[in-house]
Protein backbone atom coordinates (compact mmCIF):
# COMPACT_ATOMS: atom_id res chain seq x y z
CA UNK A 1 -0.11 0.35 -0.18
CA UNK A 2 3.13 2.38 1.08
CA UNK A 3 4.33 1.77 -2.69
CA UNK A 4 1.17 2.74 -4.02
CA UNK A 5 0.66 5.89 -2.31
CA UNK A 6 4.13 6.99 -3.95
CA UNK A 7 2.69 6.34 -7.32
CA UNK A 8 5.19 3.31 -8.21
CA UNK A 9 4.05 1.23 -10.60
CA UNK A 10 3.33 -2.78 -10.01
CA UNK A 11 6.09 -3.53 -12.65
CA UNK A 12 8.06 -1.55 -9.68
CA UNK A 13 6.75 -3.36 -6.72
CA UNK A 14 7.22 -6.52 -8.14
CA UNK A 15 10.51 -5.91 -10.12
CA UNK A 16 12.24 -8.76 -12.59
CA UNK A 17 13.90 -10.14 -10.05
CA UNK A 18 10.77 -10.74 -8.00
CA UNK A 19 12.27 -13.45 -5.60
CA UNK A 20 14.77 -11.44 -4.24
CA UNK A 21 13.24 -8.06 -4.25
CA UNK A 22 9.91 -9.39 -2.42
CA UNK A 23 12.05 -11.20 0.48
CA UNK A 24 14.10 -7.40 0.43
CA UNK A 25 10.46 -5.88 0.89
CA UNK A 26 8.69 -8.32 3.76
CA UNK A 27 11.24 -10.44 5.20
CA UNK A 28 9.55 -10.67 8.31
CA UNK A 29 6.20 -11.50 7.39
CA UNK A 30 6.80 -13.45 4.17
CA UNK A 31 9.52 -15.75 4.63
CA UNK A 32 9.57 -18.73 1.71
CA UNK A 33 9.05 -15.89 -1.17
CA UNK A 34 9.39 -18.83 -3.74
CA UNK A 35 6.27 -20.80 -2.67
CA UNK A 36 4.09 -18.07 -2.60
CA UNK A 37 2.09 -15.45 -5.14
CA UNK A 38 1.00 -11.99 -5.30
CA UNK A 39 -1.00 -9.99 -7.42
CA UNK A 40 -0.64 -6.05 -8.09
CA UNK A 41 -2.80 -3.56 -10.04
CA UNK A 42 -3.24 0.22 -9.95
CA UNK A 43 -6.03 2.95 -10.97
CA UNK A 44 -3.76 3.93 -13.91
CA UNK A 45 -4.26 0.36 -15.57
CA UNK A 46 -0.92 -1.12 -14.14
CA UNK A 47 -0.79 -4.64 -13.28
CA UNK A 48 1.48 -7.21 -12.74
CA UNK A 49 2.10 -10.47 -10.79
CA UNK A 50 4.49 -13.07 -9.14
CA UNK A 51 4.33 -16.96 -8.75
CA UNK A 52 6.80 -18.74 -7.40
CA UNK A 53 8.82 -21.03 -8.94
CA UNK A 54 9.05 -23.83 -5.96
CA UNK A 55 4.90 -23.62 -5.86
CA UNK A 56 5.10 -26.97 -7.88
CA UNK A 57 7.38 -28.59 -6.14
CA UNK A 58 5.17 -27.65 -2.88
CA UNK A 59 1.95 -28.46 -4.15
CA UNK A 60 2.88 -31.69 -6.34
CA UNK A 61 1.65 -33.75 -3.08
CA UNK A 62 -1.60 -32.41 -3.94
CA UNK A 63 -1.99 -34.30 -7.51
CA UNK A 64 -1.97 -32.84 -10.93
CA UNK A 65 -2.19 -29.07 -10.85
CA UNK A 66 -1.02 -25.51 -12.30
CA UNK A 67 0.16 -22.34 -10.24
CA UNK A 68 0.01 -19.66 -12.75
CA UNK A 69 -1.24 -16.11 -13.01
CA UNK A 70 -2.40 -13.62 -16.01
CA UNK A 71 -2.53 -10.33 -15.90
CA UNK A 72 -3.13 -7.41 -18.27
CA UNK A 73 -6.18 -5.01 -18.92
CA UNK A 74 -9.35 -4.51 -19.85
CA UNK A 75 -9.94 -0.98 -21.28
CA UNK A 76 -9.05 1.54 -18.50
CA UNK A 77 -8.86 -1.17 -15.96
CA UNK A 78 -6.40 -3.56 -15.08
CA UNK A 79 -6.63 -7.23 -13.22
CA UNK A 80 -4.44 -9.84 -12.06
CA UNK A 81 -6.28 -13.62 -12.39
CA UNK A 82 -4.34 -15.96 -10.18
CA UNK A 83 -4.16 -19.43 -8.41
CA UNK A 84 -2.29 -21.72 -7.42
CA UNK A 85 -2.93 -26.00 -6.69
CA UNK A 86 -6.02 -25.38 -9.55
CA UNK A 87 -6.80 -27.43 -12.44
CA UNK A 88 -5.56 -26.27 -15.33
CA UNK A 89 -8.07 -23.79 -16.40
CA UNK A 90 -9.30 -22.29 -13.51
CA UNK A 91 -7.20 -19.47 -14.17
CA UNK A 92 -8.20 -18.56 -17.79
CA UNK A 93 -11.34 -19.12 -16.95
CA UNK A 94 -11.76 -16.28 -14.42
CA UNK A 95 -9.66 -14.24 -16.60
CA UNK A 96 -11.67 -14.54 -19.89
CA UNK A 97 -15.05 -14.05 -18.16
CA UNK A 98 -13.71 -11.10 -16.41
CA UNK A 99 -11.97 -9.67 -19.77
CA UNK A 100 -14.83 -10.60 -22.06
CA UNK A 101 -17.89 -9.58 -19.76
CA UNK A 102 -18.77 -5.46 -21.48
CA UNK A 103 -22.40 -6.42 -20.34
CA UNK A 104 -21.41 -5.78 -16.29
CA UNK A 105 -22.62 -2.58 -14.72
CA UNK A 106 -19.42 -2.50 -12.34
CA UNK A 107 -16.16 -3.99 -11.20
CA UNK A 108 -18.87 -5.99 -8.19
CA UNK A 109 -20.65 -7.66 -11.12
CA UNK A 110 -17.50 -8.56 -13.13
CA UNK A 111 -15.99 -10.03 -10.22
CA UNK A 112 -19.16 -11.99 -9.48
CA UNK A 113 -19.79 -13.70 -12.90
CA UNK A 114 -16.01 -13.95 -12.57
CA UNK A 115 -16.47 -16.65 -9.45
CA UNK A 116 -19.77 -17.61 -10.79
CA UNK A 117 -17.65 -19.08 -13.83
CA UNK A 118 -15.89 -21.25 -11.76
CA UNK A 119 -18.64 -22.70 -8.98
CA UNK A 120 -21.03 -22.63 -11.74
CA UNK A 121 -18.92 -24.65 -14.42
CA UNK A 122 -20.03 -27.86 -15.55
CA UNK A 123 -16.61 -29.08 -15.39
CA UNK A 124 -14.68 -29.56 -12.47
CA UNK A 125 -12.59 -26.26 -12.20
CA UNK A 126 -11.08 -24.59 -9.24
CA UNK A 127 -8.61 -25.78 -6.42
CA UNK A 128 -7.88 -29.65 -6.55
CA UNK A 129 -7.41 -30.11 -2.55
CA UNK A 130 -11.71 -29.55 -2.53
CA UNK A 131 -12.82 -31.01 -5.80
CA UNK A 132 -12.20 -34.43 -4.58
CA UNK A 133 -13.88 -36.02 -1.35
CA UNK A 134 -14.98 -34.92 1.45
CA UNK A 135 -15.77 -31.68 -0.43
CA UNK A 136 -16.35 -32.01 -3.95
CA UNK A 137 -16.44 -27.93 -4.28
CA UNK A 138 -14.19 -25.55 -6.29
CA UNK A 139 -13.05 -24.28 -3.35
CA UNK A 140 -13.93 -23.50 0.13
CA UNK A 141 -13.74 -19.69 0.58
CA UNK A 142 -14.98 -16.73 -2.24
CA UNK A 143 -15.48 -13.40 -1.12
CA UNK A 144 -16.33 -10.04 -3.39
CA UNK A 145 -15.13 -6.64 -2.39
CA UNK A 146 -14.32 -3.62 -4.22
CA UNK A 147 -13.63 -0.37 -2.40
CA UNK A 148 -14.56 3.51 -3.71
CA UNK A 149 -12.31 6.18 -4.57
CA UNK A 150 -12.44 7.44 -1.21
CA UNK A 151 -11.10 4.26 0.18
CA UNK A 152 -14.99 3.32 1.74
CA UNK A 153 -15.82 0.02 0.91
CA UNK A 154 -18.43 -0.64 -1.85
CA UNK A 155 -19.03 -4.46 -1.27
CA UNK A 156 -17.60 -6.73 1.03
CA UNK A 157 -18.64 -9.68 1.21
CA UNK A 158 -17.60 -13.08 2.24
CA UNK A 159 -18.53 -16.79 2.52
CA UNK A 160 -16.32 -19.82 3.79
CA UNK A 161 -16.15 -22.73 6.16
CA UNK A 162 -16.28 -26.42 5.86
CA UNK A 163 -18.87 -27.00 2.48
CA UNK A 164 -19.50 -25.11 -0.60
CA UNK A 165 -19.51 -21.13 -0.08
CA UNK A 166 -21.24 -19.97 -3.21
CA UNK A 167 -24.81 -20.26 -2.60
CA UNK A 168 -24.31 -18.22 0.51
CA UNK A 169 -22.42 -15.67 -1.15
CA UNK A 170 -24.74 -15.31 -4.09
CA UNK A 171 -27.65 -14.71 -1.78
CA UNK A 172 -24.95 -12.19 -0.22
CA UNK A 173 -24.44 -10.44 -3.43
CA UNK A 174 -27.96 -10.21 -4.92
CA UNK A 175 -29.22 -8.64 -1.24
CA UNK A 176 -26.15 -6.04 -2.03
CA UNK A 177 -27.15 -5.57 -5.63
CA UNK A 178 -31.12 -4.99 -4.74
CA UNK A 179 -29.55 -2.13 -2.32
CA UNK A 180 -27.35 -0.95 -5.12
CA UNK A 181 -28.68 -1.38 -8.75
CA UNK A 182 -27.19 -1.00 -11.83
CA UNK A 183 -27.78 2.51 -13.41
CA UNK A 184 -30.58 2.15 -15.31
CA UNK A 185 -29.94 3.87 -19.30
CA UNK A 186 -31.26 7.07 -20.05
CA UNK A 187 -31.55 6.62 -24.07
CA UNK A 188 -34.69 7.94 -25.55
CA UNK A 189 -37.02 5.43 -26.91
CA UNK A 190 -37.11 4.67 -30.47
CA UNK A 191 -39.88 4.49 -33.28
CA UNK A 192 -39.77 0.63 -34.10
CA UNK A 193 -40.70 0.36 -38.33
CA UNK A 194 -42.93 -2.38 -38.62
CA UNK A 195 -44.39 -4.40 -41.49
CA UNK A 196 -44.35 -3.49 -45.26
CA UNK A 197 -47.18 -1.64 -47.06
CA UNK A 198 -48.87 -1.38 -50.01
CA UNK A 199 -45.89 -0.55 -53.05
CA UNK A 200 -46.02 3.20 -53.48
CA UNK A 201 -47.81 3.88 -56.99
CA UNK A 202 -44.92 6.23 -58.13
CA UNK A 203 -42.19 4.67 -57.01
CA UNK A 204 -43.15 0.94 -56.75
CA UNK A 205 -41.07 0.55 -53.88
CA UNK A 206 -42.36 -0.67 -50.37
CA UNK A 207 -42.45 1.75 -47.74
CA UNK A 208 -41.87 1.20 -43.69
CA UNK A 209 -44.72 2.31 -41.10
CA UNK A 210 -43.03 3.86 -38.22
CA UNK A 211 -45.55 2.78 -34.90
CA UNK A 212 -44.66 4.50 -31.84
CA UNK A 213 -43.73 1.65 -29.38
């Protein structure tokens, strides 16, 4: 947070030599940087991420899984989708949903739909430790948080424990959305042409008859 308050870019916060740099930044809080994962975005459309090179070895006992991240921009908004100990297409599903969701009215809806793409997927994607018995769910925790420009929370919902967190989080989101509805478009209604009339005797061409909706 301190680095971003000084307008440092994510690329400067997470430089090319990320392992050594992160160990220097937070030695007491994040020991073993090479088995951790970080993401950083800012309001200027800049993004960067780091996935420790030793995560694969640490997570091998969980069975086939991947550790990856994907950062970029959509419009003026930066994003970073990340996952470790997840199935092969988990991160790409979240990323692709977030990027392609042009119908979303705000960031909260993009995040919600990205989570829904995983938790409501017809295929088994998510955290490999949760997909098998006894849980059989994509993950045990889910949350959405978006802050306003002044630092206050626009939405901050979370659900987790033993079992599928998605049904309860979905209810929390829908309750929040009911109190924070998407803006209603203010475009003026247009006339809708319907049907073809009898051809004009002078031009012998059909004319459209506009009818008010």
